Structures are given as C-alpha cells and as structure tokens.
C-alpha cells in the first residue's frame, strides 16, 4: 500500500513539474519572437550592467518593490542567498512555521532590487523560475517532513 502511495506521489509531482514548466517557462524559453526580444534585452542589460544602474531606480520599479514575492515566500533561505538579500536568509532560519515566510515575501523585493543591475523584465523572469523551483522543493520536502515528524 505504501508503495502505491509513493508511486502516486511521484507521478503527481512529475505531472505538476511538467505543468508548471509549460505554464510559466516554456513560452519564455522556446518562443522565437520572445527569444529575439531577449537577445535585444540582453544588449540592454549589458548597458545597464556597464552603467551599474540599480534596478530600484528604473521607472516602474515601484510596482515591483511594493508587490509580494512568492519566490522568497516559498524558499526564503535559498532565495536570499542567490539574490544577495542575506537578511532574508536570517529571517528564514526562524523556527516558527509560516511567519518568517510571510515576512520574507513582503520585504524581499525591497532588499534585492537595490543590488540588482539588470532589467526588470529579467528580474520578473528569474522570479518565475524561483517560484517553480520553490514549488518543486516544497513538494519534495513537505512529505519528507511529514514522514519524519508525524509517522515516526
């Protein structure tokens, strides 16, 4: 019985990974028009990077700064390490169940955008990738934690 449940869970996780990839990342990665736009955007990013303009000073960044960051909510420690927002890493280590994740989601963009030197479109795309990774990591870790804490 346990083997059937594990096989069903693995199939569910794989189907969800395929669905999330198709919904959030497939068009961004494999659409020719978007690929050409990304090549133009890469040239713009090089200009931004060479000028070292922080992303929080770009027009339109206020909307992103005041929005909730789901990637930081799902994986605060990993997100903080990879985006240079080390205060989020410290918040993510607090052993209270959901409060650190909410705090990380609220303050993540305010801490990361001053250190980010690419365009806002690239930032949004990277956050989509982090959300997919966060969902996958949580789908793997939650059953392991359930087995470790509850079943033993």
N, C-alpha and C. Protein backbone atom coordinates (compact mmCIF):
# COMPACT_ATOMS: atom_id res chain seq x y z
N UNK A 1 0.82 -1.20 0.00
CA UNK A 1 0.00 0.00 0.00
C UNK A 1 0.86 1.26 0.00
N UNK A 2 1.93 1.23 0.80
CA UNK A 2 2.81 2.39 0.88
C UNK A 2 3.51 2.63 -0.46
N UNK A 3 3.84 1.57 -1.16
CA UNK A 3 4.50 1.71 -2.46
C UNK A 3 3.55 2.36 -3.46
N UNK A 4 2.28 2.01 -3.42
CA UNK A 4 1.30 2.61 -4.32
C UNK A 4 1.17 4.10 -4.05
N UNK A 5 1.15 4.48 -2.78
CA UNK A 5 1.05 5.89 -2.42
C UNK A 5 2.29 6.65 -2.88
N UNK A 6 3.48 6.07 -2.69
CA UNK A 6 4.72 6.73 -3.11
C UNK A 6 4.77 6.88 -4.63
N UNK A 7 4.37 5.84 -5.36
CA UNK A 7 4.35 5.93 -6.82
C UNK A 7 3.35 6.99 -7.28
N UNK A 8 2.19 7.04 -6.64
CA UNK A 8 1.19 8.07 -6.99
C UNK A 8 1.74 9.46 -6.70
N UNK A 9 2.44 9.63 -5.59
CA UNK A 9 3.01 10.93 -5.25
C UNK A 9 4.08 11.35 -6.26
N UNK A 10 4.93 10.42 -6.66
CA UNK A 10 5.97 10.72 -7.65
C UNK A 10 5.34 11.11 -8.98
N UNK A 11 4.30 10.38 -9.40
CA UNK A 11 3.62 10.73 -10.64
C UNK A 11 2.98 12.10 -10.54
N UNK A 12 2.36 12.39 -9.40
CA UNK A 12 1.76 13.71 -9.19
C UNK A 12 2.80 14.82 -9.27
N UNK A 13 3.93 14.64 -8.62
CA UNK A 13 4.99 15.65 -8.63
C UNK A 13 5.53 15.84 -10.04
N UNK A 14 5.75 14.77 -10.78
CA UNK A 14 6.25 14.89 -12.15
C UNK A 14 5.25 15.60 -13.05
N UNK A 15 3.97 15.28 -12.94
CA UNK A 15 2.96 15.96 -13.74
C UNK A 15 2.87 17.44 -13.38
N UNK A 16 2.99 17.76 -12.09
CA UNK A 16 2.97 19.15 -11.68
C UNK A 16 4.18 19.91 -12.19
N UNK A 17 5.35 19.28 -12.19
CA UNK A 17 6.55 19.90 -12.73
C UNK A 17 6.36 20.20 -14.22
N UNK A 18 5.81 19.25 -14.96
CA UNK A 18 5.57 19.46 -16.39
C UNK A 18 4.58 20.60 -16.60
N UNK A 19 3.51 20.61 -15.82
CA UNK A 19 2.51 21.66 -15.94
C UNK A 19 3.10 23.04 -15.64
N UNK A 20 3.85 23.15 -14.55
CA UNK A 20 4.44 24.44 -14.19
C UNK A 20 5.45 24.90 -15.23
N UNK A 21 6.25 23.98 -15.75
CA UNK A 21 7.20 24.34 -16.78
C UNK A 21 6.48 24.86 -18.01
N UNK A 22 5.44 24.15 -18.42
CA UNK A 22 4.69 24.56 -19.62
C UNK A 22 4.01 25.91 -19.41
N UNK A 23 3.44 26.12 -18.23
CA UNK A 23 2.69 27.34 -17.98
C UNK A 23 3.59 28.57 -17.83
N UNK A 24 4.67 28.44 -17.07
CA UNK A 24 5.47 29.62 -16.71
C UNK A 24 6.74 29.80 -17.55
N UNK A 25 7.37 28.72 -17.98
CA UNK A 25 8.70 28.86 -18.57
C UNK A 25 8.78 28.51 -20.04
N UNK A 26 7.88 27.68 -20.57
CA UNK A 26 8.01 27.19 -21.93
C UNK A 26 8.00 28.33 -22.96
N UNK A 27 7.03 29.22 -22.86
CA UNK A 27 6.95 30.33 -23.82
C UNK A 27 8.14 31.26 -23.72
N UNK A 28 8.64 31.48 -22.51
CA UNK A 28 9.79 32.36 -22.35
C UNK A 28 11.06 31.75 -22.94
N UNK A 29 11.16 30.43 -22.91
CA UNK A 29 12.39 29.79 -23.36
C UNK A 29 12.37 29.39 -24.83
N UNK A 30 11.21 29.00 -25.36
CA UNK A 30 11.19 28.39 -26.69
C UNK A 30 10.43 29.17 -27.76
N UNK A 31 9.87 30.30 -27.45
CA UNK A 31 9.17 31.12 -28.45
C UNK A 31 10.21 31.97 -29.18
N UNK A 32 10.23 31.87 -30.53
CA UNK A 32 11.26 32.57 -31.31
C UNK A 32 11.16 34.08 -31.18
N UNK A 33 9.93 34.61 -31.15
CA UNK A 33 9.77 36.06 -31.02
C UNK A 33 10.31 36.53 -29.67
N UNK A 34 9.97 35.78 -28.62
CA UNK A 34 10.48 36.15 -27.30
C UNK A 34 11.98 35.95 -27.20
N UNK A 35 12.51 34.96 -27.92
CA UNK A 35 13.96 34.74 -27.90
C UNK A 35 14.69 35.91 -28.55
N UNK A 36 14.14 36.41 -29.67
CA UNK A 36 14.74 37.58 -30.32
C UNK A 36 14.63 38.82 -29.44
N UNK A 37 13.48 38.96 -28.78
CA UNK A 37 13.31 40.09 -27.86
C UNK A 37 14.30 39.97 -26.70
N UNK A 38 14.56 38.74 -26.26
CA UNK A 38 15.51 38.55 -25.16
C UNK A 38 16.93 38.88 -25.59
N UNK A 39 17.28 38.62 -26.85
CA UNK A 39 18.61 38.99 -27.35
C UNK A 39 18.77 40.50 -27.35
N UNK A 40 17.73 41.22 -27.77
CA UNK A 40 17.77 42.69 -27.70
C UNK A 40 17.86 43.13 -26.25
N UNK A 41 17.09 42.47 -25.40
CA UNK A 41 17.09 42.80 -23.98
C UNK A 41 18.46 42.54 -23.36
N UNK A 42 19.15 41.49 -23.82
CA UNK A 42 20.47 41.19 -23.29
C UNK A 42 21.44 42.32 -23.60
N UNK A 43 21.31 42.91 -24.77
CA UNK A 43 22.16 44.07 -25.10
C UNK A 43 21.85 45.24 -24.16
N UNK A 44 20.56 45.44 -23.88
CA UNK A 44 20.18 46.50 -22.94
C UNK A 44 20.72 46.19 -21.55
N UNK A 45 20.66 44.91 -21.16
CA UNK A 45 21.17 44.53 -19.85
C UNK A 45 22.66 44.82 -19.73
N UNK A 46 23.40 44.58 -20.80
CA UNK A 46 24.83 44.90 -20.76
C UNK A 46 25.05 46.38 -20.55
N UNK A 47 24.21 47.21 -21.18
CA UNK A 47 24.32 48.65 -20.96
C UNK A 47 24.01 49.00 -19.52
N UNK A 48 22.91 48.42 -18.98
CA UNK A 48 22.58 48.67 -17.58
C UNK A 48 23.71 48.20 -16.66
N UNK A 49 24.23 47.02 -16.95
CA UNK A 49 25.26 46.47 -16.08
C UNK A 49 26.53 47.29 -16.15
N UNK A 50 26.89 47.72 -17.36
CA UNK A 50 28.10 48.52 -17.50
C UNK A 50 27.95 49.89 -16.82
N UNK A 51 26.74 50.44 -16.84
CA UNK A 51 26.50 51.71 -16.17
C UNK A 51 26.27 51.52 -14.68
N UNK A 52 26.01 50.27 -14.27
CA UNK A 52 25.74 49.92 -12.86
C UNK A 52 24.57 50.73 -12.30
N UNK A 53 23.44 50.67 -13.00
CA UNK A 53 22.23 51.33 -12.54
C UNK A 53 21.42 50.32 -11.73
N UNK A 54 21.16 50.58 -10.46
CA UNK A 54 20.36 49.64 -9.67
C UNK A 54 18.93 49.55 -10.21
N UNK A 55 18.35 48.37 -10.11
CA UNK A 55 17.01 48.14 -10.67
C UNK A 55 15.94 48.94 -9.94
N UNK A 56 16.19 49.32 -8.70
CA UNK A 56 15.16 50.07 -7.97
C UNK A 56 15.06 51.52 -8.42
N UNK A 57 16.00 52.00 -9.25
CA UNK A 57 15.92 53.36 -9.76
C UNK A 57 15.29 53.42 -11.15
N UNK A 58 14.99 52.28 -11.75
CA UNK A 58 14.38 52.24 -13.08
C UNK A 58 12.90 52.59 -12.96
N UNK A 59 12.37 53.26 -13.97
CA UNK A 59 10.96 53.63 -13.98
C UNK A 59 10.11 52.36 -13.98
N UNK A 60 9.13 52.32 -13.12
CA UNK A 60 8.25 51.15 -13.00
C UNK A 60 8.66 50.19 -11.91
N UNK A 61 9.76 50.46 -11.23
CA UNK A 61 10.21 49.53 -10.19
C UNK A 61 9.38 49.65 -8.91
N UNK A 62 8.65 50.76 -8.73
CA UNK A 62 7.83 50.93 -7.53
C UNK A 62 6.76 49.84 -7.42
N UNK A 63 6.19 49.47 -8.55
CA UNK A 63 5.17 48.43 -8.56
C UNK A 63 5.76 47.10 -8.09
N UNK A 64 6.97 46.78 -8.52
CA UNK A 64 7.61 45.53 -8.13
C UNK A 64 8.06 45.59 -6.67
N UNK A 65 8.59 46.73 -6.25
CA UNK A 65 9.07 46.84 -4.87
C UNK A 65 7.94 46.64 -3.87
N UNK A 66 6.76 47.14 -4.17
CA UNK A 66 5.63 47.03 -3.24
C UNK A 66 4.83 45.75 -3.41
N UNK A 67 5.23 44.86 -4.30
CA UNK A 67 4.48 43.62 -4.50
C UNK A 67 5.04 42.50 -3.63
N UNK A 68 4.23 41.47 -3.46
CA UNK A 68 4.60 40.31 -2.65
C UNK A 68 5.44 39.37 -3.52
N UNK A 69 6.54 38.86 -2.98
CA UNK A 69 7.43 37.98 -3.73
C UNK A 69 7.19 36.53 -3.32
N UNK A 70 6.53 35.78 -4.21
CA UNK A 70 6.19 34.40 -3.90
C UNK A 70 7.41 33.50 -3.87
N UNK A 71 8.43 33.83 -4.61
CA UNK A 71 9.64 33.01 -4.61
C UNK A 71 10.32 33.07 -3.24
N UNK A 72 10.41 34.25 -2.67
CA UNK A 72 11.01 34.39 -1.34
C UNK A 72 10.12 33.77 -0.28
N UNK A 73 8.81 33.76 -0.50
CA UNK A 73 7.90 33.11 0.43
C UNK A 73 8.12 31.60 0.45
N UNK A 74 8.33 31.01 -0.72
CA UNK A 74 8.44 29.55 -0.80
C UNK A 74 9.79 29.03 -0.33
N UNK A 75 10.87 29.69 -0.70
CA UNK A 75 12.22 29.23 -0.34
C UNK A 75 13.05 30.44 0.13
N UNK A 76 12.80 30.94 1.34
CA UNK A 76 13.46 32.18 1.75
C UNK A 76 14.98 32.09 1.87
N UNK A 77 15.49 31.00 2.39
CA UNK A 77 16.94 30.91 2.60
C UNK A 77 17.67 30.82 1.27
N UNK A 78 17.23 29.94 0.40
CA UNK A 78 17.86 29.79 -0.91
C UNK A 78 17.70 31.06 -1.75
N UNK A 79 16.51 31.66 -1.71
CA UNK A 79 16.26 32.88 -2.46
C UNK A 79 17.18 34.01 -1.97
N UNK A 80 17.30 34.14 -0.66
CA UNK A 80 18.15 35.18 -0.09
C UNK A 80 19.61 35.01 -0.47
N UNK A 81 20.09 33.77 -0.46
CA UNK A 81 21.48 33.53 -0.84
C UNK A 81 21.74 33.87 -2.30
N UNK A 82 20.83 33.49 -3.18
CA UNK A 82 21.06 33.68 -4.60
C UNK A 82 20.77 35.10 -5.08
N UNK A 83 20.04 35.89 -4.30
CA UNK A 83 19.75 37.27 -4.69
C UNK A 83 20.51 38.30 -3.86
N UNK A 84 21.36 37.87 -2.98
CA UNK A 84 22.17 38.80 -2.20
C UNK A 84 21.43 39.49 -1.08
N UNK A 85 20.26 38.99 -0.72
CA UNK A 85 19.48 39.56 0.38
C UNK A 85 19.67 38.67 1.60
N UNK A 86 20.78 38.87 2.28
CA UNK A 86 21.16 37.95 3.36
C UNK A 86 20.30 38.11 4.60
N UNK A 87 19.62 39.24 4.75
CA UNK A 87 18.70 39.39 5.88
C UNK A 87 17.52 38.42 5.74
N UNK A 88 17.12 38.13 4.50
CA UNK A 88 16.05 37.17 4.26
C UNK A 88 16.50 35.78 4.72
N UNK A 89 17.78 35.47 4.53
CA UNK A 89 18.30 34.17 4.99
C UNK A 89 18.15 34.04 6.50
N UNK A 90 18.45 35.11 7.21
CA UNK A 90 18.33 35.08 8.67
C UNK A 90 16.88 34.93 9.11
N UNK A 91 15.98 35.61 8.41
CA UNK A 91 14.56 35.50 8.72
C UNK A 91 14.07 34.08 8.45
N UNK A 92 14.58 33.46 7.38
CA UNK A 92 14.15 32.12 7.02
C UNK A 92 14.59 31.05 8.01
N UNK A 93 15.57 31.35 8.85
CA UNK A 93 16.04 30.37 9.82
C UNK A 93 15.25 30.35 11.12
N UNK A 94 14.31 31.27 11.28
CA UNK A 94 13.48 31.30 12.49
C UNK A 94 12.57 30.07 12.47
N UNK A 95 12.52 29.30 13.56
CA UNK A 95 11.78 28.03 13.53
C UNK A 95 10.27 28.13 13.72
N UNK A 96 9.68 29.29 13.57
CA UNK A 96 8.22 29.43 13.66
C UNK A 96 7.67 29.05 12.27
N UNK A 97 6.55 28.35 12.18
CA UNK A 97 6.14 27.78 10.89
C UNK A 97 5.97 28.74 9.72
N UNK A 98 5.09 29.72 9.71
CA UNK A 98 4.77 30.45 8.47
C UNK A 98 5.14 31.93 8.53
N UNK A 99 5.32 32.48 9.71
CA UNK A 99 5.57 33.92 9.87
C UNK A 99 6.85 34.37 9.16
N UNK A 100 7.97 33.64 9.24
CA UNK A 100 9.17 34.10 8.51
C UNK A 100 8.98 34.10 7.00
N UNK A 101 8.20 33.17 6.48
CA UNK A 101 7.97 33.13 5.04
C UNK A 101 7.17 34.35 4.59
N UNK A 102 6.18 34.74 5.37
CA UNK A 102 5.37 35.92 5.03
C UNK A 102 6.24 37.18 5.08
N UNK A 103 7.06 37.29 6.11
CA UNK A 103 7.96 38.45 6.23
C UNK A 103 8.93 38.48 5.06
N UNK A 104 9.47 37.33 4.68
CA UNK A 104 10.38 37.27 3.53
C UNK A 104 9.68 37.68 2.25
N UNK A 105 8.44 37.24 2.06
CA UNK A 105 7.70 37.60 0.86
C UNK A 105 7.40 39.09 0.78
N UNK A 106 7.16 39.71 1.92
CA UNK A 106 6.82 41.14 1.93
C UNK A 106 8.05 42.00 1.67
N UNK A 107 9.17 41.69 2.31
CA UNK A 107 10.34 42.58 2.24
C UNK A 107 11.40 42.16 1.23
N UNK A 108 11.19 41.08 0.50
CA UNK A 108 12.23 40.56 -0.39
C UNK A 108 12.59 41.52 -1.51
N UNK A 109 11.60 42.06 -2.20
CA UNK A 109 11.91 42.96 -3.32
C UNK A 109 12.60 44.23 -2.86
N UNK A 110 12.25 44.70 -1.68
CA UNK A 110 12.89 45.93 -1.16
C UNK A 110 14.37 45.70 -0.87
N UNK A 111 14.73 44.46 -0.50
CA UNK A 111 16.12 44.17 -0.18
C UNK A 111 16.93 43.76 -1.41
N UNK A 112 16.28 43.15 -2.41
CA UNK A 112 17.03 42.61 -3.54
C UNK A 112 17.22 43.61 -4.68
N UNK A 113 16.24 44.44 -4.96
CA UNK A 113 16.33 45.32 -6.13
C UNK A 113 17.45 46.36 -6.06
N UNK A 114 17.81 46.91 -4.90
CA UNK A 114 18.95 47.84 -4.91
C UNK A 114 20.27 47.18 -5.29
N UNK A 115 20.36 45.84 -5.18
CA UNK A 115 21.59 45.13 -5.52
C UNK A 115 21.51 44.49 -6.90
N UNK A 116 20.41 44.70 -7.62
CA UNK A 116 20.17 44.03 -8.91
C UNK A 116 20.45 45.02 -10.03
N UNK A 117 21.28 44.64 -10.99
CA UNK A 117 21.73 45.56 -12.03
C UNK A 117 21.30 45.15 -13.43
N UNK A 118 20.21 44.40 -13.55
CA UNK A 118 19.69 44.03 -14.86
C UNK A 118 18.32 44.68 -15.03
N UNK A 119 17.64 44.39 -16.14
CA UNK A 119 16.34 44.99 -16.38
C UNK A 119 15.28 44.33 -15.51
N UNK A 120 14.15 45.01 -15.37
CA UNK A 120 13.06 44.48 -14.56
C UNK A 120 12.41 43.26 -15.20
N UNK A 121 12.42 43.17 -16.53
CA UNK A 121 11.88 42.00 -17.20
C UNK A 121 12.68 40.76 -16.84
N UNK A 122 13.99 40.90 -16.79
CA UNK A 122 14.84 39.78 -16.40
C UNK A 122 14.59 39.39 -14.95
N UNK A 123 14.41 40.38 -14.10
CA UNK A 123 14.11 40.10 -12.69
C UNK A 123 12.81 39.32 -12.56
N UNK A 124 11.78 39.74 -13.29
CA UNK A 124 10.50 39.03 -13.23
C UNK A 124 10.63 37.60 -13.75
N UNK A 125 11.40 37.40 -14.82
CA UNK A 125 11.60 36.06 -15.34
C UNK A 125 12.33 35.19 -14.32
N UNK A 126 13.35 35.73 -13.69
CA UNK A 126 14.08 34.97 -12.68
C UNK A 126 13.19 34.61 -11.50
N UNK A 127 12.27 35.50 -11.14
CA UNK A 127 11.35 35.20 -10.04
C UNK A 127 10.39 34.07 -10.42
N UNK A 128 9.97 34.03 -11.70
CA UNK A 128 9.13 32.91 -12.15
C UNK A 128 9.88 31.59 -12.01
N UNK A 129 11.15 31.60 -12.39
CA UNK A 129 11.95 30.38 -12.26
C UNK A 129 12.07 29.98 -10.80
N UNK A 130 12.30 30.96 -9.92
CA UNK A 130 12.40 30.67 -8.49
C UNK A 130 11.09 30.12 -7.93
N UNK A 131 9.95 30.61 -8.41
CA UNK A 131 8.65 30.11 -7.93
C UNK A 131 8.49 28.64 -8.30
N UNK A 132 8.83 28.29 -9.54
CA UNK A 132 8.73 26.89 -9.97
C UNK A 132 9.67 26.02 -9.13
N UNK A 133 10.89 26.47 -8.92
CA UNK A 133 11.84 25.72 -8.11
C UNK A 133 11.33 25.60 -6.67
N UNK A 134 10.76 26.67 -6.14
CA UNK A 134 10.23 26.63 -4.78
C UNK A 134 9.08 25.67 -4.62
N UNK A 135 8.20 25.62 -5.60
CA UNK A 135 7.09 24.67 -5.53
C UNK A 135 7.61 23.25 -5.58
N UNK A 136 8.58 22.98 -6.45
CA UNK A 136 9.14 21.63 -6.54
C UNK A 136 9.84 21.24 -5.24
N UNK A 137 10.64 22.15 -4.69
CA UNK A 137 11.34 21.85 -3.44
C UNK A 137 10.35 21.59 -2.32
N UNK A 138 9.30 22.40 -2.23
CA UNK A 138 8.31 22.19 -1.17
C UNK A 138 7.52 20.91 -1.37
N UNK A 139 7.26 20.53 -2.61
CA UNK A 139 6.56 19.27 -2.85
C UNK A 139 7.42 18.07 -2.46
N UNK A 140 8.71 18.23 -2.52
CA UNK A 140 9.60 17.14 -2.10
C UNK A 140 9.81 17.15 -0.60
N UNK A 141 9.98 18.33 0.00
CA UNK A 141 10.32 18.41 1.42
C UNK A 141 9.14 18.21 2.36
N UNK A 142 7.94 18.63 1.96
CA UNK A 142 6.79 18.50 2.86
C UNK A 142 6.47 17.04 3.18
N UNK A 143 6.44 16.14 2.19
CA UNK A 143 6.21 14.74 2.56
C UNK A 143 7.34 14.14 3.40
N UNK A 144 8.58 14.57 3.13
CA UNK A 144 9.69 14.07 3.95
C UNK A 144 9.57 14.55 5.38
N UNK A 145 9.18 15.80 5.57
CA UNK A 145 8.99 16.33 6.92
C UNK A 145 7.82 15.64 7.60
N UNK A 146 6.76 15.39 6.85
CA UNK A 146 5.58 14.69 7.40
C UNK A 146 5.97 13.30 7.87
N UNK A 147 6.76 12.61 7.04
CA UNK A 147 7.19 11.28 7.43
C UNK A 147 8.09 11.31 8.65
N UNK A 148 8.98 12.27 8.70
CA UNK A 148 9.93 12.35 9.81
C UNK A 148 9.25 12.75 11.12
N UNK A 149 8.36 13.72 11.06
CA UNK A 149 7.78 14.27 12.29
C UNK A 149 6.58 13.46 12.76
N UNK A 150 5.66 13.16 11.87
CA UNK A 150 4.39 12.57 12.27
C UNK A 150 4.45 11.05 12.33
N UNK A 151 5.03 10.44 11.32
CA UNK A 151 4.95 8.98 11.24
C UNK A 151 5.96 8.26 12.12
N UNK A 152 6.95 8.93 12.60
CA UNK A 152 7.96 8.24 13.44
C UNK A 152 7.76 8.56 14.88
